[in-house]
Amino acid sequence: MYSITPTGTLLQNIAFSGTNGSMPTSMIQGSDGKLYGTTYSGGLDSHGNKASGAVFSINAGLPPK
């Protein structure tokens, strides 16, 4: 996931590497201003085994809803 600063600088906010999920599929803004989403695959379960997707959040600097 990427964002662009007001001065035009491109920033990488999240790099999905497989262990933290891969192929993000959806996002929604929470009432706290953070973006919450899911991935189609990747992630790890509580035993360190490959999982079938992950839930993630990112603080994008958005105002609370």
PDB file of N, CA and C in Angstrom:
ATOM      1  N   MET A   1       0.846  -1.168   0.000  1.00  0.00           N
ATOM      2  CA  MET A   1       0.000   0.000   0.000  1.00  0.00           C
ATOM      3  C   MET A   1       0.889   1.228   0.000  1.00  0.00           C
ATOM      4  N   TYR A   2       0.466   2.218  -0.743  1.00  0.00           N
ATOM      5  CA  TYR A   2       1.249   3.435  -0.902  1.00  0.00           C
ATOM      6  C   TYR A   2       0.396   4.657  -0.559  1.00  0.00           C
ATOM      7  N   SER A   3       1.078   5.726  -0.239  1.00  0.00           N
ATOM      8  CA  SER A   3       0.426   7.019  -0.076  1.00  0.00           C
ATOM      9  C   SER A   3       1.343   8.079  -0.671  1.00  0.00           C
ATOM     10  N   ILE A   4       0.768   9.238  -0.940  1.00  0.00           N
ATOM     11  CA  ILE A   4       1.529  10.358  -1.487  1.00  0.00           C
ATOM     12  C   ILE A   4       1.404  11.526  -0.524  1.00  0.00           C
ATOM     13  N   THR A   5       2.524  12.109  -0.149  1.00  0.00           N
ATOM     14  CA  THR A   5       2.529  13.250   0.760  1.00  0.00           C
ATOM     15  C   THR A   5       2.054  14.497   0.016  1.00  0.00           C
ATOM     16  N   PRO A   6       1.703  15.547   0.752  1.00  0.00           N
ATOM     17  CA  PRO A   6       1.292  16.800   0.097  1.00  0.00           C
ATOM     18  C   PRO A   6       2.369  17.380  -0.830  1.00  0.00           C
ATOM     19  N   THR A   7       3.636  17.029  -0.597  1.00  0.00           N
ATOM     20  CA  THR A   7       4.719  17.530  -1.458  1.00  0.00           C
ATOM     21  C   THR A   7       5.011  16.596  -2.628  1.00  0.00           C
ATOM     22  N   GLY A   8       4.251  15.496  -2.740  1.00  0.00           N
ATOM     23  CA  GLY A   8       4.404  14.591  -3.882  1.00  0.00           C
ATOM     24  C   GLY A   8       5.323  13.407  -3.671  1.00  0.00           C
ATOM     25  N   THR A   9       5.785  13.194  -2.452  1.00  0.00           N
ATOM     26  CA  THR A   9       6.660  12.058  -2.169  1.00  0.00           C
ATOM     27  C   THR A   9       5.822  10.784  -2.032  1.00  0.00           C
ATOM     28  N   LEU A  10       6.234   9.725  -2.723  1.00  0.00           N
ATOM     29  CA  LEU A  10       5.555   8.439  -2.655  1.00  0.00           C
ATOM     30  C   LEU A  10       6.106   7.644  -1.477  1.00  0.00           C
ATOM     31  N   LEU A  11       5.221   7.175  -0.586  1.00  0.00           N
ATOM     32  CA  LEU A  11       5.622   6.397   0.583  1.00  0.00           C
ATOM     33  C   LEU A  11       5.005   5.009   0.520  1.00  0.00           C
ATOM     34  N   GLN A  12       5.794   3.984   0.860  1.00  0.00           N
ATOM     35  CA  GLN A  12       5.247   2.635   0.978  1.00  0.00           C
ATOM     36  C   GLN A  12       4.834   2.433   2.426  1.00  0.00           C
ATOM     37  N   ASN A  13       3.528   2.233   2.656  1.00  0.00           N
ATOM     38  CA  ASN A  13       3.016   2.096   4.013  1.00  0.00           C
ATOM     39  C   ASN A  13       3.034   0.657   4.501  1.00  0.00           C
ATOM     40  N   ILE A  14       2.691  -0.280   3.640  1.00  0.00           N
ATOM     41  CA  ILE A  14       2.706  -1.698   3.985  1.00  0.00           C
ATOM     42  C   ILE A  14       3.243  -2.471   2.791  1.00  0.00           C
ATOM     43  N   ALA A  15       4.147  -3.400   3.047  1.00  0.00           N
ATOM     44  CA  ALA A  15       4.618  -4.337   2.026  1.00  0.00           C
ATOM     45  C   ALA A  15       4.127  -5.715   2.447  1.00  0.00           C
ATOM     46  N   PHE A  16       3.196  -6.279   1.709  1.00  0.00           N
ATOM     47  CA  PHE A  16       2.685  -7.605   2.043  1.00  0.00           C
ATOM     48  C   PHE A  16       3.679  -8.648   1.552  1.00  0.00           C
ATOM     49  N   SER A  17       4.267  -9.383   2.493  1.00  0.00           N
ATOM     50  CA  SER A  17       5.342 -10.328   2.181  1.00  0.00           C
ATOM     51  C   SER A  17       4.898 -11.782   2.212  1.00  0.00           C
ATOM     52  N   GLY A  18       3.650 -12.039   2.499  1.00  0.00           N
ATOM     53  CA  GLY A  18       3.169 -13.417   2.633  1.00  0.00           C
ATOM     54  C   GLY A  18       2.957 -13.774   4.087  1.00  0.00           C
ATOM     55  N   THR A  19       3.955 -13.525   4.930  1.00  0.00           N
ATOM     56  CA  THR A  19       3.787 -13.842   6.350  1.00  0.00           C
ATOM     57  C   THR A  19       2.823 -12.872   7.027  1.00  0.00           C
ATOM     58  N   ASN A  20       2.688 -11.670   6.475  1.00  0.00           N
ATOM     59  CA  ASN A  20       1.718 -10.707   7.024  1.00  0.00           C
ATOM     60  C   ASN A  20       0.503 -10.571   6.100  1.00  0.00           C
ATOM     61  N   GLY A  21       0.360 -11.499   5.175  1.00  0.00           N
ATOM     62  CA  GLY A  21      -0.755 -11.505   4.233  1.00  0.00           C
ATOM     63  C   GLY A  21      -0.287 -11.204   2.826  1.00  0.00           C
ATOM     64  N   SER A  22      -1.128 -11.514   1.866  1.00  0.00           N
ATOM     65  CA  SER A  22      -0.855 -11.164   0.469  1.00  0.00           C
ATOM     66  C   SER A  22      -2.182 -10.986  -0.250  1.00  0.00           C
ATOM     67  N   MET A  23      -2.148 -10.231  -1.307  1.00  0.00           N
ATOM     68  CA  MET A  23      -3.321  -9.918  -2.119  1.00  0.00           C
ATOM     69  C   MET A  23      -4.433  -9.259  -1.295  1.00  0.00           C
ATOM     70  N   PRO A  24      -4.215  -8.001  -0.856  1.00  0.00           N
ATOM     71  CA  PRO A  24      -5.268  -7.303  -0.105  1.00  0.00           C
ATOM     72  C   PRO A  24      -6.540  -7.200  -0.945  1.00  0.00           C
ATOM     73  N   THR A  25      -7.691  -7.385  -0.286  1.00  0.00           N
ATOM     74  CA  THR A  25      -8.942  -7.435  -1.031  1.00  0.00           C
ATOM     75  C   THR A  25      -9.927  -6.334  -0.671  1.00  0.00           C
ATOM     76  N   SER A  26      -9.881  -5.826   0.525  1.00  0.00           N
ATOM     77  CA  SER A  26     -10.866  -4.816   0.909  1.00  0.00           C
ATOM     78  C   SER A  26     -10.328  -3.963   2.045  1.00  0.00           C
ATOM     79  N   MET A  27     -10.859  -2.732   2.139  1.00  0.00           N
ATOM     80  CA  MET A  27     -10.505  -1.843   3.245  1.00  0.00           C
ATOM     81  C   MET A  27     -11.707  -0.999   3.597  1.00  0.00           C
ATOM     82  N   ILE A  28     -11.736  -0.573   4.848  1.00  0.00           N
ATOM     83  CA  ILE A  28     -12.786   0.316   5.325  1.00  0.00           C
ATOM     84  C   ILE A  28     -12.162   1.238   6.373  1.00  0.00           C
ATOM     85  N   GLN A  29     -12.653   2.460   6.456  1.00  0.00           N
ATOM     86  CA  GLN A  29     -12.159   3.389   7.471  1.00  0.00           C
ATOM     87  C   GLN A  29     -12.956   3.206   8.741  1.00  0.00           C
ATOM     88  N   GLY A  30     -12.246   2.977   9.856  1.00  0.00           N
ATOM     89  CA  GLY A  30     -12.887   2.847  11.156  1.00  0.00           C
ATOM     90  C   GLY A  30     -13.212   4.200  11.751  1.00  0.00           C
ATOM     91  N   SER A  31     -14.004   4.198  12.790  1.00  0.00           N
ATOM     92  CA  SER A  31     -14.391   5.451  13.443  1.00  0.00           C
ATOM     93  C   SER A  31     -13.193   6.147  14.086  1.00  0.00           C
ATOM     94  N   ASP A  32     -12.089   5.416  14.271  1.00  0.00           N
ATOM     95  CA  ASP A  32     -10.867   6.002  14.836  1.00  0.00           C
ATOM     96  C   ASP A  32      -9.968   6.622  13.772  1.00  0.00           C
ATOM     97  N   GLY A  33     -10.368   6.568  12.497  1.00  0.00           N
ATOM     98  CA  GLY A  33      -9.572   7.126  11.407  1.00  0.00           C
ATOM     99  C   GLY A  33      -8.642   6.123  10.754  1.00  0.00           C
ATOM    100  N   LYS A  34      -8.385   4.977  11.386  1.00  0.00           N
ATOM    101  CA  LYS A  34      -7.513   3.965  10.796  1.00  0.00           C
ATOM    102  C   LYS A  34      -8.226   3.248   9.658  1.00  0.00           C
ATOM    103  N   LEU A  35      -7.427   2.697   8.738  1.00  0.00           N
ATOM    104  CA  LEU A  35      -7.962   1.856   7.686  1.00  0.00           C
ATOM    105  C   LEU A  35      -7.796   0.403   8.110  1.00  0.00           C
ATOM    106  N   TYR A  36      -8.840  -0.390   7.970  1.00  0.00           N
ATOM    107  CA  TYR A  36      -8.824  -1.807   8.307  1.00  0.00           C
ATOM    108  C   TYR A  36      -9.110  -2.602   7.042  1.00  0.00           C
ATOM    109  N   GLY A  37      -8.410  -3.718   6.876  1.00  0.00           N
ATOM    110  CA  GLY A  37      -8.615  -4.513   5.679  1.00  0.00           C
ATOM    111  C   GLY A  37      -8.303  -5.974   5.885  1.00  0.00           C
ATOM    112  N   THR A  38      -8.516  -6.732   4.825  1.00  0.00           N
ATOM    113  CA  THR A  38      -8.233  -8.167   4.827  1.00  0.00           C
ATOM    114  C   THR A  38      -7.406  -8.511   3.594  1.00  0.00           C
ATOM    115  N   THR A  39      -6.739  -9.655   3.670  1.00  0.00           N
ATOM    116  CA  THR A  39      -6.025 -10.174   2.516  1.00  0.00           C
ATOM    117  C   THR A  39      -6.637 -11.511   2.113  1.00  0.00           C
ATOM    118  N   TYR A  40      -6.497 -11.822   0.847  1.00  0.00           N
ATOM    119  CA  TYR A  40      -7.069 -13.051   0.306  1.00  0.00           C
ATOM    120  C   TYR A  40      -6.295 -14.287   0.769  1.00  0.00           C
ATOM    121  N   SER A  41      -5.003 -14.133   0.947  1.00  0.00           N
ATOM    122  CA  SER A  41      -4.176 -15.277   1.355  1.00  0.00           C
ATOM    123  C   SER A  41      -3.026 -14.791   2.224  1.00  0.00           C
ATOM    124  N   GLY A  42      -2.199 -15.747   2.646  1.00  0.00           N
ATOM    125  CA  GLY A  42      -1.032 -15.420   3.458  1.00  0.00           C
ATOM    126  C   GLY A  42      -1.367 -15.281   4.927  1.00  0.00           C
ATOM    127  N   GLY A  43      -0.411 -14.778   5.660  1.00  0.00           N
ATOM    128  CA  GLY A  43      -0.539 -14.677   7.110  1.00  0.00           C
ATOM    129  C   GLY A  43      -0.080 -15.957   7.770  1.00  0.00           C
ATOM    130  N   LEU A  44       0.018 -15.915   9.072  1.00  0.00           N
ATOM    131  CA  LEU A  44       0.422 -17.075   9.864  1.00  0.00           C
ATOM    132  C   LEU A  44      -0.576 -17.288  10.984  1.00  0.00           C
ATOM    133  N   ASP A  45      -0.836 -18.563  11.310  1.00  0.00           N
ATOM    134  CA  ASP A  45      -1.714 -18.846  12.446  1.00  0.00           C
ATOM    135  C   ASP A  45      -0.910 -18.809  13.737  1.00  0.00           C
ATOM    136  N   SER A  46      -1.543 -19.110  14.853  1.00  0.00           N
ATOM    137  CA  SER A  46      -0.877 -19.010  16.160  1.00  0.00           C
ATOM    138  C   SER A  46       0.254 -20.021  16.337  1.00  0.00           C
ATOM    139  N   HIS A  47       0.352 -21.008  15.437  1.00  0.00           N
ATOM    140  CA  HIS A  47       1.416 -22.007  15.500  1.00  0.00           C
ATOM    141  C   HIS A  47       2.513 -21.747  14.474  1.00  0.00           C
ATOM    142  N   GLY A  48       2.401 -20.653  13.728  1.00  0.00           N
ATOM    143  CA  GLY A  48       3.399 -20.313  12.724  1.00  0.00           C
ATOM    144  C   GLY A  48       3.172 -20.975  11.375  1.00  0.00           C
ATOM    145  N   ASN A  49       2.022 -21.616  11.193  1.00  0.00           N
ATOM    146  CA  ASN A  49       1.703 -22.250   9.921  1.00  0.00           C
ATOM    147  C   ASN A  49       1.037 -21.249   8.979  1.00  0.00           C
ATOM    148  N   LYS A  50       1.152 -21.508   7.672  1.00  0.00           N
ATOM    149  CA  LYS A  50       0.508 -20.645   6.693  1.00  0.00           C
ATOM    150  C   LYS A  50      -0.993 -20.590   6.938  1.00  0.00           C
ATOM    151  N   ALA A  51      -1.545 -19.393   6.832  1.00  0.00           N
ATOM    152  CA  ALA A  51      -2.980 -19.189   7.047  1.00  0.00           C
ATOM    153  C   ALA A  51      -3.653 -18.846   5.720  1.00  0.00           C
ATOM    154  N   SER A  52      -4.941 -18.660   5.781  1.00  0.00           N
ATOM    155  CA  SER A  52      -5.730 -18.362   4.585  1.00  0.00           C
ATOM    156  C   SER A  52      -6.182 -16.908   4.560  1.00  0.00           C
ATOM    157  N   GLY A  53      -5.293 -16.002   4.870  1.00  0.00           N
ATOM    158  CA  GLY A  53      -5.608 -14.581   4.849  1.00  0.00           C
ATOM    159  C   GLY A  53      -5.275 -13.931   6.177  1.00  0.00           C
ATOM    160  N   ALA A  54      -5.316 -12.619   6.177  1.00  0.00           N
ATOM    161  CA  ALA A  54      -4.959 -11.857   7.374  1.00  0.00           C
ATOM    162  C   ALA A  54      -5.838 -10.610   7.461  1.00  0.00           C
ATOM    163  N   VAL A  55      -5.939 -10.073   8.657  1.00  0.00           N
ATOM    164  CA  VAL A  55      -6.602  -8.796   8.909  1.00  0.00           C
ATOM    165  C   VAL A  55      -5.502  -7.801   9.254  1.00  0.00           C
ATOM    166  N   PHE A  56      -5.593  -6.604   8.706  1.00  0.00           N
ATOM    167  CA  PHE A  56      -4.556  -5.607   8.972  1.00  0.00           C
ATOM    168  C   PHE A  56      -5.182  -4.256   9.246  1.00  0.00           C
ATOM    169  N   SER A  57      -4.385  -3.371   9.842  1.00  0.00           N
ATOM    170  CA  SER A  57      -4.811  -1.980  10.032  1.00  0.00           C
ATOM    171  C   SER A  57      -3.625  -1.077   9.738  1.00  0.00           C
ATOM    172  N   ILE A  58      -3.933   0.131   9.326  1.00  0.00           N
ATOM    173  CA  ILE A  58      -2.901   1.111   9.053  1.00  0.00           C
ATOM    174  C   ILE A  58      -3.384   2.475   9.517  1.00  0.00           C
ATOM    175  N   ASN A  59      -2.511   3.193  10.190  1.00  0.00           N
ATOM    176  CA  ASN A  59      -2.839   4.553  10.606  1.00  0.00           C
ATOM    177  C   ASN A  59      -2.444   5.464   9.469  1.00  0.00           C
ATOM    178  N   ALA A  60      -3.438   5.898   8.706  1.00  0.00           N
ATOM    179  CA  ALA A  60      -3.187   6.708   7.516  1.00  0.00           C
ATOM    180  C   ALA A  60      -3.259   8.212   7.796  1.00  0.00           C
ATOM    181  N   GLY A  61      -3.405   8.573   9.058  1.00  0.00           N
ATOM    182  CA  GLY A  61      -3.475   9.986   9.407  1.00  0.00           C
ATOM    183  C   GLY A  61      -4.806  10.627   9.062  1.00  0.00           C
ATOM    184  N   LEU A  62      -5.832   9.821   8.889  1.00  0.00           N
ATOM    185  CA  LEU A  62      -7.162  10.346   8.576  1.00  0.00           C
ATOM    186  C   LEU A  62      -7.864  10.789   9.865  1.00  0.00           C
ATOM    187  N   PRO A  63      -8.701  11.793   9.783  1.00  0.00           N
ATOM    188  CA  PRO A  63      -9.424  12.213  10.989  1.00  0.00           C
ATOM    189  C   PRO A  63     -10.456  11.177  11.380  1.00  0.00           C
ATOM    190  N   PRO A  64     -10.765  11.044  12.667  1.00  0.00           N
ATOM    191  CA  PRO A  64     -11.818  10.116  13.093  1.00  0.00           C
ATOM    192  C   PRO A  64     -13.134  10.478  12.429  1.00  0.00           C
ATOM    193  N   LYS A  65     -13.938   9.445  12.214  1.00  0.00           N
ATOM    194  CA  LYS A  65     -15.271   9.660  11.596  1.00  0.00           C
ATOM    195  C   LYS A  65     -16.267  10.120  12.635  1.00  0.00           C
TER     196      LYS A  65
END
